[in-house]
Amino acid sequence: MSLNARRVGSAVGLLGLHMALIGCVPQSLIYAPEAVLHCDRIAVMPFVDAPGHMGRRAGIVESGVVLSELSRMDAFDVEGAARLRKALHSSSAGTWDMAAQRRLTDSLDIDLVMVGEVTDYRFTKEAHTIPLMVASHTWTETICWVGVNLRLVDPDSGQVVYAASGSGKSNKGYGPAMLMATRKSLKELQQFLQTHTPKEVR
């Protein structure tokens, strides 16, 4: 990878990290309903990885799950971080600041940016025993746990528009647990969109 490509990736990563750290702990609240209703396009940034060795690359996987779930809502055009990287790579700007951020998101017609972090990514072993007539049957079950914090942020002002958290567990792997956590964190946003029609306020 070239030095310029690494700088581009770092800049986009720093944008996601910077915006993920804005605001308080998510409380599953819609802070700016009008911004949600007027939003046409969302960019999903790479999420911050979960702590520990097990959580490495969990953030990029989670951002893909979020992108897919937002697309399923059929309420927004959804962009991944790849387009932002490409636009930043072709930009002549040598530094990354709020002004460069506004120019980039404006040029791509991005209204809101989704950022967040995977807060939990681990497994536990649970022993189960069934008493039988003669003996007992014991087995161990692996449970995967995933926790997610996410925020929708206005890239121009830095205002948190929506914030939520979710957790999931599954004995079928990290994928189902992550999907459960993501859907919980997006549940209120989806319910809000189902009960409001954006066209009515435009």
N, C-alpha and C. Protein backbone atom coordinates (compact mmCIF):
# COMPACT_ATOMS: atom_id res chain seq x y z
N MET A 1 0.85 -1.20 0.00
CA MET A 1 0.00 0.00 0.00
C MET A 1 0.88 1.24 0.00
N SER A 2 0.55 2.22 -0.84
CA SER A 2 1.34 3.43 -0.94
C SER A 2 1.14 4.32 0.28
N LEU A 3 2.07 5.26 0.47
CA LEU A 3 1.97 6.19 1.58
C LEU A 3 0.71 7.03 1.47
N ASN A 4 0.38 7.46 0.23
CA ASN A 4 -0.83 8.28 0.04
C ASN A 4 -2.08 7.49 0.38
N ALA A 5 -2.13 6.22 0.00
CA ALA A 5 -3.30 5.38 0.31
C ALA A 5 -3.45 5.20 1.80
N ARG A 6 -2.30 5.04 2.50
CA ARG A 6 -2.37 4.90 3.96
C ARG A 6 -2.89 6.16 4.59
N ARG A 7 -2.48 7.33 4.05
CA ARG A 7 -2.96 8.60 4.59
C ARG A 7 -4.47 8.74 4.39
N VAL A 8 -4.94 8.33 3.21
CA VAL A 8 -6.37 8.39 2.93
C VAL A 8 -7.15 7.51 3.90
N GLY A 9 -6.68 6.26 4.06
CA GLY A 9 -7.35 5.35 4.98
C GLY A 9 -7.33 5.88 6.40
N SER A 10 -6.21 6.47 6.81
CA SER A 10 -6.11 7.01 8.16
C SER A 10 -7.06 8.19 8.36
N ALA A 11 -7.16 9.04 7.33
CA ALA A 11 -8.05 10.21 7.44
C ALA A 11 -9.49 9.79 7.59
N VAL A 12 -9.92 8.81 6.77
CA VAL A 12 -11.30 8.34 6.87
C VAL A 12 -11.52 7.65 8.21
N GLY A 13 -10.52 6.88 8.65
CA GLY A 13 -10.63 6.23 9.96
C GLY A 13 -10.71 7.23 11.09
N LEU A 14 -9.92 8.30 11.01
CA LEU A 14 -9.94 9.33 12.04
C LEU A 14 -11.27 10.06 12.05
N LEU A 15 -11.86 10.26 10.85
CA LEU A 15 -13.18 10.88 10.80
C LEU A 15 -14.18 10.03 11.57
N GLY A 16 -14.16 8.72 11.30
CA GLY A 16 -15.09 7.84 12.00
C GLY A 16 -14.86 7.84 13.49
N LEU A 17 -13.59 7.78 13.90
CA LEU A 17 -13.27 7.77 15.33
C LEU A 17 -13.65 9.08 15.98
N HIS A 18 -13.34 10.21 15.32
CA HIS A 18 -13.66 11.52 15.87
C HIS A 18 -15.16 11.67 16.08
N MET A 19 -15.93 11.28 15.08
CA MET A 19 -17.37 11.45 15.17
C MET A 19 -18.00 10.42 16.10
N ALA A 20 -17.37 9.27 16.25
CA ALA A 20 -17.89 8.26 17.17
C ALA A 20 -17.76 8.71 18.61
N LEU A 21 -16.80 9.57 18.88
CA LEU A 21 -16.56 10.01 20.25
C LEU A 21 -17.39 11.23 20.62
N ILE A 22 -18.16 11.77 19.65
CA ILE A 22 -19.00 12.93 19.94
C ILE A 22 -20.19 12.50 20.79
N GLY A 23 -20.51 13.28 21.81
CA GLY A 23 -21.73 13.03 22.58
C GLY A 23 -21.51 12.07 23.72
N CYS A 24 -22.62 11.75 24.38
CA CYS A 24 -22.59 10.90 25.57
C CYS A 24 -22.90 9.46 25.18
N VAL A 25 -23.04 8.62 26.22
CA VAL A 25 -23.39 7.23 25.98
C VAL A 25 -24.77 7.18 25.33
N PRO A 26 -24.96 6.43 24.25
CA PRO A 26 -26.24 6.40 23.57
C PRO A 26 -27.36 5.95 24.50
N GLN A 27 -28.54 6.56 24.33
CA GLN A 27 -29.70 6.23 25.15
C GLN A 27 -30.91 5.88 24.29
N SER A 28 -30.68 5.44 23.07
CA SER A 28 -31.75 5.09 22.14
C SER A 28 -32.73 6.24 21.97
N LEU A 29 -32.21 7.39 21.60
CA LEU A 29 -33.03 8.58 21.45
C LEU A 29 -32.84 9.20 20.08
N ILE A 30 -33.92 9.78 19.56
CA ILE A 30 -33.85 10.58 18.35
C ILE A 30 -33.80 12.04 18.80
N TYR A 31 -32.64 12.65 18.64
CA TYR A 31 -32.42 14.01 19.13
C TYR A 31 -32.90 15.07 18.14
N ALA A 32 -32.93 14.72 16.86
CA ALA A 32 -33.31 15.69 15.84
C ALA A 32 -34.21 15.01 14.80
N PRO A 33 -35.50 14.87 15.12
CA PRO A 33 -36.43 14.17 14.20
C PRO A 33 -36.46 14.77 12.80
N GLU A 34 -36.42 16.10 12.70
CA GLU A 34 -36.48 16.75 11.39
C GLU A 34 -35.29 16.36 10.52
N ALA A 35 -34.12 16.24 11.15
CA ALA A 35 -32.92 15.87 10.39
C ALA A 35 -33.06 14.45 9.83
N VAL A 36 -33.68 13.56 10.60
CA VAL A 36 -33.90 12.20 10.13
C VAL A 36 -34.88 12.20 8.96
N LEU A 37 -35.97 12.94 9.10
CA LEU A 37 -37.01 12.95 8.08
C LEU A 37 -36.55 13.60 6.78
N HIS A 38 -35.61 14.54 6.88
CA HIS A 38 -35.11 15.22 5.69
C HIS A 38 -33.86 14.57 5.10
N CYS A 39 -33.44 13.48 5.70
CA CYS A 39 -32.22 12.82 5.24
C CYS A 39 -32.49 11.96 4.01
N ASP A 40 -31.67 12.15 2.99
CA ASP A 40 -31.76 11.32 1.78
C ASP A 40 -30.63 10.29 1.71
N ARG A 41 -29.45 10.69 2.20
CA ARG A 41 -28.28 9.80 2.03
C ARG A 41 -27.46 9.74 3.31
N ILE A 42 -27.10 8.52 3.69
CA ILE A 42 -26.28 8.28 4.88
C ILE A 42 -24.99 7.60 4.46
N ALA A 43 -23.88 8.02 5.03
CA ALA A 43 -22.60 7.34 4.84
C ALA A 43 -22.29 6.57 6.12
N VAL A 44 -21.98 5.31 5.99
CA VAL A 44 -21.64 4.46 7.14
C VAL A 44 -20.13 4.35 7.23
N MET A 45 -19.56 4.88 8.31
CA MET A 45 -18.12 4.83 8.51
C MET A 45 -17.71 3.50 9.15
N PRO A 46 -16.44 3.10 9.02
CA PRO A 46 -15.97 1.91 9.74
C PRO A 46 -16.12 2.11 11.25
N PHE A 47 -16.73 1.16 11.91
CA PHE A 47 -16.92 1.25 13.36
C PHE A 47 -15.60 0.94 14.07
N VAL A 48 -15.49 1.43 15.29
CA VAL A 48 -14.31 1.17 16.11
C VAL A 48 -14.37 -0.27 16.60
N ASP A 49 -13.24 -0.97 16.54
CA ASP A 49 -13.17 -2.36 16.97
C ASP A 49 -13.48 -2.51 18.46
N ALA A 50 -13.93 -3.71 18.83
CA ALA A 50 -14.14 -4.03 20.23
C ALA A 50 -12.79 -4.19 20.94
N PRO A 51 -12.75 -3.98 22.25
CA PRO A 51 -11.50 -4.15 22.98
C PRO A 51 -11.02 -5.60 22.95
N GLY A 52 -9.72 -5.76 23.05
CA GLY A 52 -9.16 -7.09 23.16
C GLY A 52 -8.87 -7.75 21.82
N HIS A 53 -8.14 -8.86 21.89
CA HIS A 53 -7.71 -9.56 20.68
C HIS A 53 -8.90 -10.07 19.88
N MET A 54 -9.93 -10.57 20.55
CA MET A 54 -11.08 -11.13 19.87
C MET A 54 -11.83 -10.08 19.04
N GLY A 55 -11.73 -8.82 19.46
CA GLY A 55 -12.51 -7.77 18.82
C GLY A 55 -11.86 -7.13 17.61
N ARG A 56 -10.66 -7.60 17.22
CA ARG A 56 -9.99 -7.02 16.06
C ARG A 56 -10.80 -7.24 14.80
N ARG A 57 -11.04 -6.19 14.05
CA ARG A 57 -11.80 -6.18 12.80
C ARG A 57 -13.30 -6.34 13.01
N ALA A 58 -13.73 -6.38 14.26
CA ALA A 58 -15.17 -6.46 14.50
C ALA A 58 -15.87 -5.19 14.03
N GLY A 59 -15.15 -4.06 14.08
CA GLY A 59 -15.74 -2.79 13.68
C GLY A 59 -16.10 -2.74 12.21
N ILE A 60 -15.21 -3.21 11.35
CA ILE A 60 -15.48 -3.17 9.91
C ILE A 60 -16.60 -4.13 9.55
N VAL A 61 -16.70 -5.24 10.26
CA VAL A 61 -17.79 -6.18 10.03
C VAL A 61 -19.12 -5.55 10.45
N GLU A 62 -19.12 -4.90 11.60
CA GLU A 62 -20.33 -4.26 12.10
C GLU A 62 -20.80 -3.15 11.17
N SER A 63 -19.87 -2.38 10.61
CA SER A 63 -20.28 -1.32 9.69
C SER A 63 -20.99 -1.91 8.47
N GLY A 64 -20.56 -3.08 8.03
CA GLY A 64 -21.24 -3.75 6.92
C GLY A 64 -22.64 -4.21 7.29
N VAL A 65 -22.80 -4.70 8.52
CA VAL A 65 -24.12 -5.12 8.99
C VAL A 65 -25.05 -3.92 9.09
N VAL A 66 -24.54 -2.80 9.62
CA VAL A 66 -25.34 -1.58 9.74
C VAL A 66 -25.75 -1.09 8.36
N LEU A 67 -24.82 -1.08 7.42
CA LEU A 67 -25.13 -0.64 6.06
C LEU A 67 -26.26 -1.49 5.47
N SER A 68 -26.18 -2.80 5.67
CA SER A 68 -27.20 -3.70 5.15
C SER A 68 -28.55 -3.45 5.79
N GLU A 69 -28.57 -3.25 7.11
CA GLU A 69 -29.83 -3.03 7.82
C GLU A 69 -30.45 -1.69 7.48
N LEU A 70 -29.64 -0.67 7.30
CA LEU A 70 -30.17 0.63 6.88
C LEU A 70 -30.77 0.54 5.47
N SER A 71 -30.12 -0.21 4.61
CA SER A 71 -30.62 -0.39 3.24
C SER A 71 -31.97 -1.10 3.25
N ARG A 72 -32.13 -2.05 4.17
CA ARG A 72 -33.39 -2.79 4.27
C ARG A 72 -34.57 -1.89 4.66
N MET A 73 -34.28 -0.79 5.34
CA MET A 73 -35.36 0.13 5.73
C MET A 73 -35.98 0.83 4.53
N ASP A 74 -35.23 0.90 3.42
CA ASP A 74 -35.72 1.52 2.19
C ASP A 74 -36.15 2.97 2.42
N ALA A 75 -35.40 3.66 3.27
CA ALA A 75 -35.72 5.06 3.58
C ALA A 75 -34.61 6.01 3.14
N PHE A 76 -33.39 5.47 2.96
CA PHE A 76 -32.23 6.30 2.61
C PHE A 76 -31.44 5.63 1.50
N ASP A 77 -30.66 6.44 0.78
CA ASP A 77 -29.54 5.91 0.01
C ASP A 77 -28.39 5.76 0.99
N VAL A 78 -27.72 4.62 0.95
CA VAL A 78 -26.68 4.33 1.94
C VAL A 78 -25.35 4.11 1.24
N GLU A 79 -24.34 4.81 1.70
CA GLU A 79 -22.99 4.70 1.15
C GLU A 79 -22.05 4.11 2.18
N GLY A 80 -21.13 3.27 1.73
CA GLY A 80 -20.09 2.76 2.60
C GLY A 80 -18.88 3.68 2.61
N ALA A 81 -17.89 3.33 3.41
CA ALA A 81 -16.71 4.18 3.55
C ALA A 81 -15.84 4.18 2.29
N ALA A 82 -16.02 3.19 1.42
CA ALA A 82 -15.16 3.09 0.23
C ALA A 82 -15.28 4.32 -0.65
N ARG A 83 -16.50 4.84 -0.81
CA ARG A 83 -16.68 6.02 -1.67
C ARG A 83 -16.04 7.24 -1.05
N LEU A 84 -16.09 7.34 0.28
CA LEU A 84 -15.43 8.45 0.96
C LEU A 84 -13.92 8.38 0.76
N ARG A 85 -13.38 7.16 0.86
CA ARG A 85 -11.94 7.00 0.66
C ARG A 85 -11.54 7.42 -0.76
N LYS A 86 -12.35 7.02 -1.73
CA LYS A 86 -12.04 7.36 -3.11
C LYS A 86 -12.09 8.87 -3.32
N ALA A 87 -13.12 9.51 -2.75
CA ALA A 87 -13.24 10.96 -2.91
C ALA A 87 -12.10 11.69 -2.21
N LEU A 88 -11.72 11.20 -1.03
CA LEU A 88 -10.63 11.83 -0.30
C LEU A 88 -9.31 11.62 -1.02
N HIS A 89 -9.14 10.44 -1.62
CA HIS A 89 -7.92 10.13 -2.36
C HIS A 89 -7.73 11.08 -3.54
N SER A 90 -8.86 11.42 -4.19
CA SER A 90 -8.78 12.30 -5.35
C SER A 90 -8.79 13.78 -4.98
N SER A 91 -9.02 14.05 -3.69
CA SER A 91 -9.04 15.44 -3.25
C SER A 91 -7.63 15.99 -3.18
N SER A 92 -7.52 17.29 -3.47
CA SER A 92 -6.20 17.93 -3.41
C SER A 92 -5.87 18.41 -2.01
N ALA A 93 -6.83 18.29 -1.08
CA ALA A 93 -6.61 18.77 0.28
C ALA A 93 -5.52 17.94 0.95
N GLY A 94 -4.58 18.61 1.55
CA GLY A 94 -3.49 17.91 2.22
C GLY A 94 -3.75 17.68 3.69
N THR A 95 -4.72 18.36 4.25
CA THR A 95 -5.03 18.21 5.67
C THR A 95 -6.50 17.86 5.83
N TRP A 96 -6.81 17.26 6.99
CA TRP A 96 -8.19 16.88 7.29
C TRP A 96 -8.68 17.70 8.47
N ASP A 97 -9.71 18.48 8.25
CA ASP A 97 -10.32 19.26 9.31
C ASP A 97 -11.82 19.34 9.05
N MET A 98 -12.55 20.11 9.87
CA MET A 98 -13.99 20.21 9.72
C MET A 98 -14.38 20.79 8.36
N ALA A 99 -13.59 21.76 7.87
CA ALA A 99 -13.89 22.36 6.57
C ALA A 99 -13.76 21.32 5.45
N ALA A 100 -12.69 20.51 5.51
CA ALA A 100 -12.49 19.46 4.51
C ALA A 100 -13.60 18.42 4.61
N GLN A 101 -14.02 18.13 5.84
CA GLN A 101 -15.10 17.18 6.07
C GLN A 101 -16.39 17.67 5.41
N ARG A 102 -16.70 18.95 5.60
CA ARG A 102 -17.92 19.50 5.00
C ARG A 102 -17.86 19.45 3.47
N ARG A 103 -16.70 19.81 2.93
CA ARG A 103 -16.56 19.81 1.48
C ARG A 103 -16.77 18.40 0.91
N LEU A 104 -16.21 17.42 1.61
CA LEU A 104 -16.29 16.04 1.13
C LEU A 104 -17.72 15.52 1.20
N THR A 105 -18.37 15.70 2.32
CA THR A 105 -19.74 15.20 2.46
C THR A 105 -20.70 15.98 1.57
N ASP A 106 -20.46 17.27 1.40
CA ASP A 106 -21.31 18.07 0.49
C ASP A 106 -21.15 17.61 -0.95
N SER A 107 -19.91 17.32 -1.34
CA SER A 107 -19.67 16.91 -2.73
C SER A 107 -20.32 15.57 -3.04
N LEU A 108 -20.53 14.74 -2.02
CA LEU A 108 -21.16 13.44 -2.21
C LEU A 108 -22.63 13.46 -1.84
N ASP A 109 -23.16 14.66 -1.52
CA ASP A 109 -24.57 14.80 -1.13
C ASP A 109 -24.93 13.92 0.06
N ILE A 110 -24.02 13.84 1.03
CA ILE A 110 -24.28 13.04 2.23
C ILE A 110 -24.89 13.94 3.30
N ASP A 111 -26.05 13.52 3.80
CA ASP A 111 -26.76 14.31 4.79
C ASP A 111 -26.35 13.96 6.22
N LEU A 112 -26.20 12.67 6.49
CA LEU A 112 -25.85 12.22 7.83
C LEU A 112 -24.79 11.13 7.74
N VAL A 113 -24.00 11.00 8.80
CA VAL A 113 -22.94 9.99 8.87
C VAL A 113 -23.21 9.07 10.05
N MET A 114 -23.16 7.76 9.80
CA MET A 114 -23.34 6.77 10.87
C MET A 114 -21.98 6.33 11.39
N VAL A 115 -21.77 6.48 12.69
CA VAL A 115 -20.51 6.09 13.32
C VAL A 115 -20.83 5.28 14.57
N GLY A 116 -19.82 4.62 15.11
CA GLY A 116 -20.06 3.88 16.34
C GLY A 116 -18.90 2.97 16.69
N GLU A 117 -19.16 2.09 17.62
CA GLU A 117 -18.13 1.15 18.06
C GLU A 117 -18.76 -0.15 18.52
N VAL A 118 -18.00 -1.21 18.39
CA VAL A 118 -18.38 -2.50 18.95
C VAL A 118 -17.84 -2.52 20.37
N THR A 119 -18.71 -2.60 21.34
CA THR A 119 -18.31 -2.50 22.74
C THR A 119 -18.03 -3.84 23.40
N ASP A 120 -18.56 -4.91 22.80
CA ASP A 120 -18.41 -6.24 23.38
C ASP A 120 -18.31 -7.25 22.25
N TYR A 121 -17.34 -8.15 22.33
CA TYR A 121 -17.17 -9.16 21.30
C TYR A 121 -16.39 -10.31 21.93
N ARG A 122 -17.12 -11.30 22.43
CA ARG A 122 -16.47 -12.36 23.21
C ARG A 122 -17.37 -13.60 23.21
N PHE A 123 -16.83 -14.67 23.76
CA PHE A 123 -17.64 -15.87 23.91
C PHE A 123 -17.49 -16.42 25.32
N THR A 124 -18.50 -17.13 25.77
CA THR A 124 -18.45 -17.81 27.06
C THR A 124 -18.84 -19.28 26.86
N LYS A 125 -18.44 -20.10 27.80
CA LYS A 125 -18.80 -21.51 27.78
C LYS A 125 -19.80 -21.77 28.90
N GLU A 126 -20.90 -22.42 28.55
CA GLU A 126 -21.92 -22.73 29.54
C GLU A 126 -22.13 -24.24 29.57
N ALA A 127 -22.04 -24.79 30.76
CA ALA A 127 -22.23 -26.23 30.95
C ALA A 127 -23.70 -26.53 31.23
N HIS A 128 -24.21 -27.59 30.61
CA HIS A 128 -25.59 -28.02 30.80
C HIS A 128 -25.61 -29.50 31.18
N THR A 129 -26.50 -29.84 32.07
CA THR A 129 -26.62 -31.22 32.51
C THR A 129 -28.08 -31.63 32.52
N ILE A 130 -28.36 -32.79 31.93
CA ILE A 130 -29.70 -33.36 31.95
C ILE A 130 -29.65 -34.66 32.74
N PRO A 131 -30.39 -34.74 33.85
CA PRO A 131 -30.41 -35.99 34.61
C PRO A 131 -31.19 -37.08 33.87
N LEU A 132 -30.63 -38.27 33.81
CA LEU A 132 -31.28 -39.40 33.15
C LEU A 132 -31.55 -40.50 34.18
N MET A 133 -32.15 -41.58 33.74
CA MET A 133 -32.52 -42.67 34.65
C MET A 133 -31.29 -43.29 35.31
N VAL A 134 -30.28 -43.56 34.52
CA VAL A 134 -29.10 -44.25 35.04
C VAL A 134 -27.97 -43.27 35.33
N ALA A 135 -27.75 -42.33 34.41
CA ALA A 135 -26.66 -41.37 34.57
C ALA A 135 -27.18 -40.00 34.15
N SER A 136 -26.27 -39.08 33.93
CA SER A 136 -26.65 -37.74 33.46
C SER A 136 -25.85 -37.40 32.21
N HIS A 137 -26.44 -36.56 31.40
CA HIS A 137 -25.78 -36.14 30.17
C HIS A 137 -25.34 -34.68 30.33
N THR A 138 -24.04 -34.43 30.16
CA THR A 138 -23.48 -33.09 30.31
C THR A 138 -22.81 -32.65 29.02
N TRP A 139 -23.05 -31.41 28.64
CA TRP A 139 -22.40 -30.87 27.46
C TRP A 139 -22.11 -29.39 27.67
N THR A 140 -21.21 -28.87 26.88
CA THR A 140 -20.82 -27.46 26.97
C THR A 140 -21.28 -26.71 25.72
N GLU A 141 -21.88 -25.56 25.95
CA GLU A 141 -22.39 -24.73 24.86
C GLU A 141 -21.60 -23.43 24.79
N THR A 142 -21.21 -23.04 23.57
CA THR A 142 -20.49 -21.79 23.36
C THR A 142 -21.50 -20.69 23.02
N ILE A 143 -21.45 -19.60 23.78
CA ILE A 143 -22.33 -18.46 23.56
C ILE A 143 -21.50 -17.27 23.11
N CYS A 144 -21.86 -16.67 21.99
CA CYS A 144 -21.18 -15.48 21.49
C CYS A 144 -21.96 -14.24 21.89
N TRP A 145 -21.23 -13.22 22.35
CA TRP A 145 -21.83 -11.97 22.82
C TRP A 145 -21.30 -10.80 22.01
N VAL A 146 -22.20 -9.90 21.61
CA VAL A 146 -21.80 -8.70 20.87
C VAL A 146 -22.58 -7.50 21.41
N GLY A 147 -21.88 -6.39 21.62
CA GLY A 147 -22.51 -5.14 22.02
C GLY A 147 -22.13 -4.04 21.04
N VAL A 148 -23.07 -3.14 20.77
CA VAL A 148 -22.87 -2.10 19.75
C VAL A 148 -23.40 -0.76 20.26
N ASN A 149 -22.63 0.30 20.04
CA ASN A 149 -23.10 1.68 20.18
C ASN A 149 -23.05 2.32 18.81
N LEU A 150 -24.08 3.08 18.45
CA LEU A 150 -24.04 3.78 17.16
C LEU A 150 -24.69 5.16 17.28
N ARG A 151 -24.27 6.04 16.35
CA ARG A 151 -24.80 7.39 16.32
C ARG A 151 -24.93 7.87 14.88
N LEU A 152 -26.02 8.56 14.59
CA LEU A 152 -26.16 9.32 13.36
C LEU A 152 -25.74 10.75 13.65
N VAL A 153 -24.83 11.28 12.86
CA VAL A 153 -24.25 12.59 13.13
C VAL A 153 -24.40 13.49 11.91
N ASP A 154 -24.74 14.74 12.15
CA ASP A 154 -24.74 15.76 11.09
C ASP A 154 -23.29 16.14 10.82
N PRO A 155 -22.76 15.89 9.62
CA PRO A 155 -21.34 16.15 9.36
C PRO A 155 -21.00 17.63 9.33
N ASP A 156 -21.98 18.50 9.13
CA ASP A 156 -21.71 19.94 9.10
C ASP A 156 -21.56 20.52 10.50
N SER A 157 -22.48 20.16 11.39
CA SER A 157 -22.48 20.75 12.73
C SER A 157 -21.89 19.84 13.80
N GLY A 158 -21.81 18.55 13.51
CA GLY A 158 -21.36 17.60 14.53
C GLY A 158 -22.47 17.20 15.48
N GLN A 159 -23.70 17.64 15.25
CA GLN A 159 -24.83 17.32 16.13
C GLN A 159 -25.18 15.84 16.03
N VAL A 160 -25.39 15.22 17.17
CA VAL A 160 -25.87 13.84 17.21
C VAL A 160 -27.37 13.85 16.94
N VAL A 161 -27.78 13.18 15.88
CA VAL A 161 -29.18 13.16 15.46
C VAL A 161 -29.92 11.97 16.07
N TYR A 162 -29.23 10.83 16.15
CA TYR A 162 -29.81 9.61 16.72
C TYR A 162 -28.70 8.84 17.41
N ALA A 163 -29.00 8.29 18.58
CA ALA A 163 -28.01 7.52 19.31
C ALA A 163 -28.69 6.32 19.95
N ALA A 164 -28.03 5.19 19.89
CA ALA A 164 -28.62 3.97 20.43
C ALA A 164 -27.55 2.93 20.72
N SER A 165 -27.92 1.94 21.49
CA SER A 165 -27.04 0.81 21.76
C SER A 165 -27.85 -0.46 21.71
N GLY A 166 -27.18 -1.56 21.50
CA GLY A 166 -27.85 -2.85 21.47
C GLY A 166 -26.88 -3.96 21.79
N SER A 167 -27.41 -5.07 22.26
CA SER A 167 -26.57 -6.23 22.56
C SER A 167 -27.26 -7.49 22.07
N GLY A 168 -26.47 -8.47 21.76
CA GLY A 168 -27.03 -9.73 21.29
C GLY A 168 -26.17 -10.90 21.70
N LYS A 169 -26.79 -12.06 21.79
CA LYS A 169 -26.04 -13.28 22.08
C LYS A 169 -26.62 -14.42 21.25
N SER A 170 -25.77 -15.38 20.92
CA SER A 170 -26.20 -16.49 20.10
C SER A 170 -25.30 -17.69 20.32
N ASN A 171 -25.88 -18.86 20.23
CA ASN A 171 -25.07 -20.08 20.28
C ASN A 171 -24.73 -20.57 18.88
N LYS A 172 -25.01 -19.73 17.88
CA LYS A 172 -24.75 -20.08 16.49
C LYS A 172 -23.62 -19.25 15.87
N GLY A 173 -22.91 -18.47 16.70
CA GLY A 173 -21.78 -17.71 16.19
C GLY A 173 -21.92 -16.21 16.38
N TYR A 174 -20.87 -15.50 16.01
CA TYR A 174 -20.85 -14.04 16.17
C TYR A 174 -21.79 -13.34 15.20
N GLY A 175 -21.97 -13.90 14.00
CA GLY A 175 -22.82 -13.26 13.01
C GLY A 175 -24.24 -13.02 13.51
N PRO A 176 -24.94 -14.06 13.97
CA PRO A 176 -26.29 -13.86 14.50
C PRO A 176 -26.33 -12.93 15.71
N ALA A 177 -25.31 -13.00 16.57
CA ALA A 177 -25.28 -12.12 17.74
C ALA A 177 -25.11 -10.67 17.33
N MET A 178 -24.26 -10.43 16.34
CA MET A 178 -24.05 -9.06 15.86
C MET A 178 -25.29 -8.52 15.17
N LEU A 179 -25.96 -9.37 14.40
CA LEU A 179 -27.19 -8.95 13.73
C LEU A 179 -28.26 -8.58 14.76
N MET A 180 -28.37 -9.37 15.83
CA MET A 180 -29.34 -9.08 16.88
C MET A 180 -29.03 -7.75 17.55
N ALA A 181 -27.75 -7.52 17.87
CA ALA A 181 -27.35 -6.26 18.51
C ALA A 181 -27.63 -5.06 17.62
N THR A 182 -27.34 -5.22 16.32
CA THR A 182 -27.55 -4.12 15.37
C THR A 182 -29.03 -3.80 15.22
N ARG A 183 -29.84 -4.81 15.10
CA ARG A 183 -31.28 -4.58 14.95
C ARG A 183 -31.88 -3.95 16.19
N LYS A 184 -31.40 -4.32 17.35
CA LYS A 184 -31.88 -3.67 18.58
C LYS A 184 -31.52 -2.19 18.59
N SER A 185 -30.31 -1.87 18.16
CA SER A 185 -29.85 -0.48 18.19
C SER A 185 -30.55 0.38 17.14
N LEU A 186 -31.06 -0.24 16.08
CA LEU A 186 -31.75 0.50 15.03
C LEU A 186 -33.26 0.43 15.14
N LYS A 187 -33.75 -0.28 16.15
CA LYS A 187 -35.20 -0.53 16.26
C LYS A 187 -36.01 0.76 16.37
N GLU A 188 -35.58 1.67 17.23
CA GLU A 188 -36.34 2.90 17.42
C GLU A 188 -36.31 3.77 16.17
N LEU A 189 -35.18 3.80 15.49
CA LEU A 189 -35.08 4.56 14.24
C LEU A 189 -36.04 3.98 13.21
N GLN A 190 -36.08 2.67 13.09
CA GLN A 190 -36.97 2.03 12.13
C GLN A 190 -38.43 2.29 12.47
N GLN A 191 -38.78 2.20 13.75
CA GLN A 191 -40.16 2.45 14.16
C GLN A 191 -40.56 3.90 13.88
N PHE A 192 -39.62 4.82 14.11
CA PHE A 192 -39.89 6.23 13.83
C PHE A 192 -40.17 6.45 12.34
N LEU A 193 -39.37 5.83 11.49
CA LEU A 193 -39.55 5.99 10.05
C LEU A 193 -40.85 5.36 9.56
N GLN A 194 -41.26 4.28 10.22
CA GLN A 194 -42.50 3.61 9.83
C GLN A 194 -43.74 4.43 10.18
N THR A 195 -43.62 5.32 11.15
CA THR A 195 -44.77 6.10 11.59
C THR A 195 -44.73 7.54 11.11
N HIS A 196 -43.69 7.90 10.35
CA HIS A 196 -43.59 9.24 9.81
C HIS A 196 -43.24 9.16 8.32
N THR A 197 -43.82 10.04 7.55
CA THR A 197 -43.57 10.08 6.12
C THR A 197 -42.73 11.31 5.79
N PRO A 198 -41.49 11.10 5.34
CA PRO A 198 -40.60 12.24 5.04
C PRO A 198 -41.21 13.23 4.07
N LYS A 199 -41.93 12.76 3.08
CA LYS A 199 -42.47 13.64 2.05
C LYS A 199 -43.45 14.67 2.65
N GLU A 200 -44.05 14.33 3.80
CA GLU A 200 -45.03 15.21 4.40
C GLU A 200 -44.41 16.48 4.97
N VAL A 201 -43.12 16.43 5.27
CA VAL A 201 -42.48 17.60 5.91
C VAL A 201 -41.56 18.32 4.95
N ARG A 202 -41.44 17.84 3.72
CA ARG A 202 -40.56 18.50 2.76
C ARG A 202 -41.29 19.57 2.00
